[in-house]
Amino acid sequence: MLGNVIDGRTDPTNPNVDAVFEPSIHDDGRRADGVHHFSYDEAANSPDYFIVKDLLSTTVRTAVLHAETQWPFPVTVFLYNQGSRPLG
């Protein structure tokens, strides 16, 4: 399920990307009252929990659909320039 999108591309109009996925709990975002935006227990207790994954030479659309359909907890998609191989 898509939780957040962080766009690190130099040209935000280019639909071709390398994408990195992390559980949105890694964002550690909090509302003004201090409550986390995303549930740690929901992600960490899932058998699908992971630390980081990537999808190279894809499109923004495919990356978002991948996040939306592959995990039952919120996932943040980081978008990078295609070919940058952000995880090495």
N, C-alpha and C. Protein backbone atom coordinates (compact mmCIF):
# COMPACT_ATOMS: atom_id res chain seq x y z
N MET A 1 0.85 -1.17 0.00
CA MET A 1 0.00 0.00 0.00
C MET A 1 0.90 1.24 0.00
N LEU A 2 0.57 2.17 -0.83
CA LEU A 2 1.36 3.39 -0.94
C LEU A 2 1.15 4.27 0.28
N GLY A 3 2.26 4.65 0.92
CA GLY A 3 2.18 5.53 2.08
C GLY A 3 2.71 6.92 1.79
N ASN A 4 3.76 7.00 0.97
CA ASN A 4 4.41 8.28 0.74
C ASN A 4 5.26 8.18 -0.52
N VAL A 5 5.51 9.33 -1.15
CA VAL A 5 6.40 9.40 -2.32
C VAL A 5 7.40 10.51 -2.06
N ILE A 6 8.69 10.19 -2.20
CA ILE A 6 9.76 11.17 -2.08
C ILE A 6 10.45 11.23 -3.44
N ASP A 7 10.42 12.39 -4.08
CA ASP A 7 10.94 12.53 -5.43
C ASP A 7 12.32 13.16 -5.40
N GLY A 8 13.34 12.37 -5.75
CA GLY A 8 14.71 12.86 -5.78
C GLY A 8 15.25 13.03 -7.19
N ARG A 9 14.36 13.08 -8.19
CA ARG A 9 14.81 13.21 -9.58
C ARG A 9 15.21 14.65 -9.88
N THR A 10 16.16 14.80 -10.80
CA THR A 10 16.55 16.15 -11.24
C THR A 10 15.54 16.71 -12.23
N ASP A 11 14.81 15.84 -12.93
CA ASP A 11 13.75 16.27 -13.86
C ASP A 11 12.45 15.59 -13.45
N PRO A 12 11.64 16.26 -12.65
CA PRO A 12 10.41 15.62 -12.15
C PRO A 12 9.36 15.35 -13.21
N THR A 13 9.61 15.75 -14.46
CA THR A 13 8.66 15.45 -15.53
C THR A 13 9.01 14.16 -16.29
N ASN A 14 10.19 13.60 -16.02
CA ASN A 14 10.61 12.38 -16.69
C ASN A 14 9.95 11.18 -16.02
N PRO A 15 9.15 10.41 -16.75
CA PRO A 15 8.45 9.28 -16.13
C PRO A 15 9.33 8.05 -15.91
N ASN A 16 10.54 8.04 -16.45
CA ASN A 16 11.44 6.89 -16.32
C ASN A 16 12.32 7.07 -15.08
N VAL A 17 12.31 6.05 -14.21
CA VAL A 17 12.97 6.18 -12.91
C VAL A 17 13.62 4.88 -12.46
N ASP A 18 14.46 5.02 -11.45
CA ASP A 18 14.84 3.92 -10.57
C ASP A 18 14.08 4.19 -9.28
N ALA A 19 13.46 3.18 -8.71
CA ALA A 19 12.65 3.37 -7.51
C ALA A 19 13.19 2.53 -6.36
N VAL A 20 13.13 3.10 -5.17
CA VAL A 20 13.51 2.40 -3.95
C VAL A 20 12.29 2.40 -3.04
N PHE A 21 12.06 1.28 -2.37
CA PHE A 21 10.92 1.12 -1.48
C PHE A 21 11.39 0.84 -0.06
N GLU A 22 10.76 1.49 0.88
CA GLU A 22 10.98 1.23 2.31
C GLU A 22 9.63 1.29 3.01
N PRO A 23 9.45 0.52 4.08
CA PRO A 23 8.24 0.70 4.87
C PRO A 23 8.16 2.16 5.34
N SER A 24 6.99 2.73 5.28
CA SER A 24 6.82 4.14 5.63
C SER A 24 7.15 4.43 7.09
N ILE A 25 7.18 3.40 7.93
CA ILE A 25 7.58 3.62 9.33
C ILE A 25 9.02 4.12 9.42
N HIS A 26 9.83 3.84 8.40
CA HIS A 26 11.21 4.32 8.40
C HIS A 26 11.28 5.83 8.27
N ASP A 27 10.22 6.46 7.72
CA ASP A 27 10.19 7.91 7.57
C ASP A 27 10.19 8.61 8.92
N ASP A 28 9.65 7.93 9.93
CA ASP A 28 9.55 8.46 11.29
C ASP A 28 8.79 9.78 11.35
N GLY A 29 7.87 9.97 10.41
CA GLY A 29 7.07 11.19 10.40
C GLY A 29 6.06 11.21 11.53
N ARG A 30 5.82 12.40 12.06
CA ARG A 30 4.87 12.55 13.15
C ARG A 30 3.96 13.74 12.90
N ARG A 31 2.73 13.61 13.39
CA ARG A 31 1.79 14.72 13.33
C ARG A 31 2.18 15.76 14.37
N ALA A 32 1.53 16.90 14.35
CA ALA A 32 1.82 17.98 15.29
C ALA A 32 1.67 17.54 16.75
N ASP A 33 0.77 16.56 17.00
CA ASP A 33 0.57 16.09 18.38
C ASP A 33 1.56 14.99 18.77
N GLY A 34 2.51 14.67 17.88
CA GLY A 34 3.55 13.69 18.19
C GLY A 34 3.23 12.26 17.80
N VAL A 35 2.01 12.01 17.36
CA VAL A 35 1.63 10.66 16.95
C VAL A 35 2.22 10.37 15.58
N HIS A 36 2.77 9.16 15.42
CA HIS A 36 3.35 8.76 14.13
C HIS A 36 2.29 8.68 13.04
N HIS A 37 2.66 9.04 11.82
CA HIS A 37 1.75 8.93 10.68
C HIS A 37 1.46 7.47 10.34
N PHE A 38 2.44 6.60 10.58
CA PHE A 38 2.32 5.20 10.19
C PHE A 38 2.57 4.30 11.40
N SER A 39 1.94 3.13 11.40
CA SER A 39 2.01 2.20 12.52
C SER A 39 3.21 1.27 12.40
N TYR A 40 4.08 1.33 13.38
CA TYR A 40 5.24 0.44 13.41
C TYR A 40 4.78 -1.02 13.52
N ASP A 41 3.84 -1.29 14.41
CA ASP A 41 3.38 -2.66 14.63
C ASP A 41 2.77 -3.27 13.37
N GLU A 42 2.02 -2.48 12.62
CA GLU A 42 1.40 -2.97 11.40
C GLU A 42 2.45 -3.49 10.42
N ALA A 43 3.54 -2.75 10.25
CA ALA A 43 4.59 -3.15 9.31
C ALA A 43 5.49 -4.23 9.90
N ALA A 44 6.01 -4.00 11.09
CA ALA A 44 7.00 -4.91 11.67
C ALA A 44 6.43 -6.30 11.96
N ASN A 45 5.15 -6.40 12.21
CA ASN A 45 4.53 -7.70 12.50
C ASN A 45 4.03 -8.42 11.26
N SER A 46 4.19 -7.80 10.11
CA SER A 46 3.76 -8.42 8.86
C SER A 46 4.82 -9.41 8.36
N PRO A 47 4.41 -10.56 7.85
CA PRO A 47 5.39 -11.48 7.26
C PRO A 47 6.04 -10.90 6.00
N ASP A 48 5.47 -9.83 5.46
CA ASP A 48 6.02 -9.19 4.26
C ASP A 48 6.99 -8.06 4.58
N TYR A 49 7.27 -7.83 5.87
CA TYR A 49 8.16 -6.74 6.28
C TYR A 49 9.53 -6.89 5.60
N PHE A 50 10.12 -5.76 5.24
CA PHE A 50 11.44 -5.74 4.62
C PHE A 50 12.14 -4.46 5.04
N ILE A 51 13.41 -4.35 4.76
CA ILE A 51 14.17 -3.14 5.09
C ILE A 51 14.17 -2.18 3.91
N VAL A 52 14.66 -2.63 2.76
CA VAL A 52 14.71 -1.79 1.56
C VAL A 52 14.75 -2.69 0.32
N LYS A 53 14.05 -2.27 -0.73
CA LYS A 53 14.05 -2.98 -2.01
C LYS A 53 14.08 -1.94 -3.12
N ASP A 54 14.49 -2.37 -4.31
CA ASP A 54 14.49 -1.44 -5.43
C ASP A 54 13.83 -2.06 -6.66
N LEU A 55 13.51 -1.21 -7.59
CA LEU A 55 12.97 -1.58 -8.89
C LEU A 55 13.62 -0.62 -9.88
N LEU A 56 14.52 -1.15 -10.69
CA LEU A 56 15.33 -0.31 -11.58
C LEU A 56 14.72 -0.23 -12.97
N SER A 57 15.03 0.87 -13.66
CA SER A 57 14.59 1.09 -15.04
C SER A 57 13.09 0.82 -15.19
N THR A 58 12.32 1.58 -14.46
CA THR A 58 10.88 1.43 -14.47
C THR A 58 10.24 2.80 -14.73
N THR A 59 8.99 2.92 -14.48
CA THR A 59 8.29 4.20 -14.64
C THR A 59 7.68 4.60 -13.30
N VAL A 60 7.33 5.86 -13.19
CA VAL A 60 6.67 6.34 -11.97
C VAL A 60 5.39 5.54 -11.75
N ARG A 61 4.62 5.38 -12.79
CA ARG A 61 3.36 4.64 -12.68
C ARG A 61 3.57 3.23 -12.16
N THR A 62 4.51 2.50 -12.74
CA THR A 62 4.78 1.13 -12.33
C THR A 62 5.27 1.08 -10.88
N ALA A 63 6.13 2.03 -10.50
CA ALA A 63 6.64 2.06 -9.13
C ALA A 63 5.52 2.29 -8.12
N VAL A 64 4.62 3.21 -8.43
CA VAL A 64 3.50 3.49 -7.53
C VAL A 64 2.56 2.27 -7.46
N LEU A 65 2.26 1.67 -8.59
CA LEU A 65 1.41 0.48 -8.60
C LEU A 65 2.07 -0.67 -7.85
N HIS A 66 3.38 -0.81 -7.97
CA HIS A 66 4.12 -1.84 -7.26
C HIS A 66 3.97 -1.64 -5.76
N ALA A 67 4.17 -0.43 -5.30
CA ALA A 67 4.02 -0.13 -3.87
C ALA A 67 2.59 -0.39 -3.41
N GLU A 68 1.64 -0.05 -4.23
CA GLU A 68 0.23 -0.18 -3.86
C GLU A 68 -0.22 -1.64 -3.77
N THR A 69 0.41 -2.52 -4.53
CA THR A 69 -0.07 -3.90 -4.60
C THR A 69 0.82 -4.95 -3.93
N GLN A 70 2.07 -4.62 -3.63
CA GLN A 70 2.99 -5.64 -3.13
C GLN A 70 3.00 -5.81 -1.62
N TRP A 71 2.58 -4.79 -0.88
CA TRP A 71 2.69 -4.85 0.58
C TRP A 71 1.39 -4.44 1.24
N PRO A 72 1.05 -5.08 2.37
CA PRO A 72 -0.21 -4.77 3.06
C PRO A 72 -0.08 -3.63 4.07
N PHE A 73 1.06 -2.99 4.12
CA PHE A 73 1.31 -1.86 5.02
C PHE A 73 1.86 -0.70 4.20
N PRO A 74 1.79 0.53 4.71
CA PRO A 74 2.26 1.69 3.94
C PRO A 74 3.75 1.62 3.60
N VAL A 75 4.05 1.91 2.35
CA VAL A 75 5.41 1.88 1.83
C VAL A 75 5.72 3.24 1.20
N THR A 76 6.94 3.73 1.45
CA THR A 76 7.41 4.96 0.82
C THR A 76 8.18 4.61 -0.43
N VAL A 77 7.85 5.30 -1.52
CA VAL A 77 8.56 5.14 -2.79
C VAL A 77 9.49 6.34 -2.96
N PHE A 78 10.76 6.07 -3.11
CA PHE A 78 11.76 7.10 -3.41
C PHE A 78 12.05 7.01 -4.90
N LEU A 79 11.88 8.11 -5.61
CA LEU A 79 12.11 8.15 -7.05
C LEU A 79 13.46 8.81 -7.35
N TYR A 80 14.24 8.17 -8.21
CA TYR A 80 15.56 8.67 -8.60
C TYR A 80 15.69 8.65 -10.12
N ASN A 81 16.65 9.38 -10.63
CA ASN A 81 16.91 9.37 -12.08
C ASN A 81 17.18 7.94 -12.54
N GLN A 82 16.59 7.59 -13.68
CA GLN A 82 16.84 6.26 -14.24
C GLN A 82 18.33 6.08 -14.50
N GLY A 83 18.84 4.93 -14.12
CA GLY A 83 20.25 4.62 -14.32
C GLY A 83 21.13 5.01 -13.14
N SER A 84 20.58 5.65 -12.14
CA SER A 84 21.39 6.10 -11.00
C SER A 84 21.71 4.96 -10.03
N ARG A 85 20.95 3.87 -10.10
CA ARG A 85 21.15 2.71 -9.23
C ARG A 85 21.40 3.15 -7.78
N PRO A 86 20.42 3.74 -7.13
CA PRO A 86 20.61 4.35 -5.81
C PRO A 86 21.06 3.41 -4.70
N LEU A 87 20.84 2.10 -4.87
CA LEU A 87 21.32 1.17 -3.84
C LEU A 87 22.68 0.58 -4.18
N GLY A 88 23.24 1.02 -5.29
CA GLY A 88 24.57 0.55 -5.68
C GLY A 88 24.57 -0.56 -6.68
